[in-house]
Amino acid sequence: MSAITDPVADLLTRLRNASRAGHEQVEIPGSRLKLQVVKILAQEKFVRGYQFLSDGPQGTLRVFLKYGSKREPVLTQLQRVSRPGRRTYTAAQEIPRVQNGMGIAILSTSHGVLADRDCRRLNVGGEVLCYVW
């Protein structure tokens, strides 16, 4: 098995695929960054919840997906912005509004991994990890 060079893109791809396939949950190899991204998705009500299982050297992150009343996925789009080959940074005043406020941008800042709303409140910018809507 080859090494994953972009763990956030792997997380988003696993969530996107499981959501489109209609799975109730998805298991992802754990890391602190992935845990923080999933925590934000849970706070913003894009997923039902998550568990961190500390089995093995890095642990496993179990994410419980959320669906609407007609079984349509709540996660309609997950878009990776900053990649290892092209990092994307933004100032606090220039944080984009995703889908006119219907989605969120997740940023890695000096205050940790935060949603765009929290970055504006704290007046901090950083690396734009992804857009979710």
Protein backbone atom coordinates (compact mmCIF):
# COMPACT_ATOMS: atom_id res chain seq x y z
CA MET A 1 0.00 0.00 0.00
CA SER A 2 1.35 3.41 -0.91
CA ALA A 3 1.64 6.32 1.50
CA ILE A 4 -1.11 8.94 1.43
CA THR A 5 0.43 12.31 0.59
CA ASP A 6 -2.70 14.37 1.30
CA PRO A 7 -4.59 13.07 4.36
CA VAL A 8 -7.27 15.80 4.27
CA ALA A 9 -8.11 14.99 0.64
CA ASP A 10 -8.33 11.31 1.62
CA LEU A 11 -10.73 12.21 4.47
CA LEU A 12 -12.94 14.28 2.17
CA THR A 13 -12.96 11.59 -0.52
CA ARG A 14 -13.95 8.87 1.95
CA LEU A 15 -16.77 11.07 3.34
CA ARG A 16 -17.96 11.99 -0.18
CA ASN A 17 -17.96 8.36 -1.40
CA ALA A 18 -19.69 6.97 1.70
CA SER A 19 -22.31 9.72 1.62
CA ARG A 20 -23.11 9.14 -2.05
CA ALA A 21 -23.27 5.37 -1.49
CA GLY A 22 -25.74 5.85 1.38
CA HIS A 23 -23.62 4.34 4.15
CA GLU A 24 -24.53 5.04 7.78
CA GLN A 25 -20.89 5.39 8.87
CA VAL A 26 -17.37 5.44 7.49
CA GLU A 27 -14.07 4.53 9.14
CA ILE A 28 -10.97 6.62 8.44
CA PRO A 29 -7.38 6.25 9.67
CA GLY A 30 -7.03 8.79 12.48
CA SER A 31 -4.90 11.89 12.94
CA ARG A 32 -5.24 15.08 14.98
CA LEU A 33 -5.93 17.19 11.87
CA LYS A 34 -8.63 14.84 10.61
CA LEU A 35 -10.20 14.74 14.07
CA GLN A 36 -10.40 18.54 14.17
CA VAL A 37 -11.97 18.70 10.67
CA VAL A 38 -14.59 16.08 11.61
CA LYS A 39 -15.26 17.90 14.89
CA ILE A 40 -16.09 21.06 12.91
CA LEU A 41 -18.35 19.07 10.56
CA ALA A 42 -20.21 17.72 13.61
CA GLN A 43 -20.52 21.19 15.20
CA GLU A 44 -21.91 22.59 11.94
CA LYS A 45 -24.39 19.66 11.69
CA PHE A 46 -23.00 18.17 8.46
CA VAL A 47 -22.51 14.78 10.17
CA ARG A 48 -24.44 13.14 13.02
CA GLY A 49 -21.37 12.47 15.12
CA TYR A 50 -18.00 10.76 15.36
CA GLN A 51 -15.95 8.43 17.55
CA PHE A 52 -12.21 8.12 17.91
CA LEU A 53 -11.18 4.50 18.43
CA SER A 54 -7.64 4.22 19.76
CA ASP A 55 -6.76 0.89 18.18
CA GLY A 56 -3.41 0.45 16.50
CA PRO A 57 -0.66 3.04 16.26
CA GLN A 58 -2.75 5.95 14.92
CA GLY A 59 -6.30 4.97 15.81
CA THR A 60 -9.44 5.03 13.71
CA LEU A 61 -11.97 7.79 13.25
CA ARG A 62 -15.56 6.57 12.83
CA VAL A 63 -17.88 9.20 11.33
CA PHE A 64 -21.68 8.79 11.39
CA LEU A 65 -23.18 10.37 8.27
CA LYS A 66 -26.35 12.44 8.21
CA TYR A 67 -29.20 12.25 5.70
CA GLY A 68 -32.36 14.24 5.05
CA SER A 69 -35.97 13.09 5.24
CA LYS A 70 -35.92 11.57 1.73
CA ARG A 71 -32.52 9.93 2.37
CA GLU A 72 -30.63 12.64 0.48
CA PRO A 73 -27.13 13.27 1.86
CA VAL A 74 -26.56 16.42 3.91
CA LEU A 75 -22.98 16.56 2.59
CA THR A 76 -23.61 17.56 -1.01
CA GLN A 77 -20.14 18.84 -1.86
CA LEU A 78 -16.70 18.63 -0.24
CA GLN A 79 -14.02 20.57 -2.08
CA ARG A 80 -10.30 20.52 -1.19
CA VAL A 81 -8.78 23.99 -1.63
CA SER A 82 -5.21 23.99 -0.33
CA ARG A 83 -3.19 21.03 -1.58
CA PRO A 84 0.40 19.92 -0.90
CA GLY A 85 1.45 21.20 -4.34
CA ARG A 86 -0.38 24.50 -4.03
CA ARG A 87 -1.06 25.98 -0.61
CA THR A 88 -3.83 28.59 -0.39
CA TYR A 89 -3.79 31.17 2.39
CA THR A 90 -6.22 33.98 3.15
CA ALA A 91 -6.36 36.97 5.44
CA ALA A 92 -9.16 37.33 7.98
CA GLN A 93 -10.88 40.07 5.94
CA GLU A 94 -10.80 37.96 2.76
CA ILE A 95 -12.23 34.65 4.01
CA PRO A 96 -14.70 33.53 1.32
CA ARG A 97 -18.37 32.91 1.98
CA VAL A 98 -19.25 29.45 0.71
CA GLN A 99 -22.58 29.21 -1.13
CA ASN A 100 -23.64 32.60 0.29
CA GLY A 101 -23.34 31.35 3.87
CA MET A 102 -25.04 27.98 3.30
CA GLY A 103 -21.69 26.18 3.43
CA ILE A 104 -18.50 26.57 5.43
CA ALA A 105 -14.82 26.98 4.81
CA ILE A 106 -12.48 25.12 7.16
CA LEU A 107 -9.17 26.87 7.88
CA SER A 108 -6.00 25.89 9.67
CA THR A 109 -4.99 28.93 11.72
CA SER A 110 -2.61 29.87 14.51
CA HIS A 111 -5.58 29.24 16.86
CA GLY A 112 -6.11 25.70 15.53
CA VAL A 113 -8.48 24.34 12.89
CA LEU A 114 -11.55 26.61 12.73
CA ALA A 115 -14.68 27.19 10.68
CA ASP A 116 -14.87 30.42 8.66
CA ARG A 117 -17.40 31.95 11.09
CA ASP A 118 -15.02 31.51 14.03
CA CYS A 119 -12.10 32.91 12.02
CA ARG A 120 -14.06 36.08 11.26
CA ARG A 121 -15.06 36.41 14.93
CA LEU A 122 -11.45 35.98 16.11
CA ASN A 123 -10.11 38.05 13.19
CA VAL A 124 -7.56 35.40 12.11
CA GLY A 125 -6.68 34.08 8.69
CA GLY A 126 -4.82 30.98 7.67
CA GLU A 127 -4.62 28.09 5.24
CA VAL A 128 -7.97 27.26 3.60
CA LEU A 129 -8.26 23.49 3.89
CA CYS A 130 -11.64 22.89 2.25
CA TYR A 131 -15.14 24.09 1.44
CA VAL A 132 -18.17 22.09 2.58
CA TRP A 133 -21.81 22.48 1.59
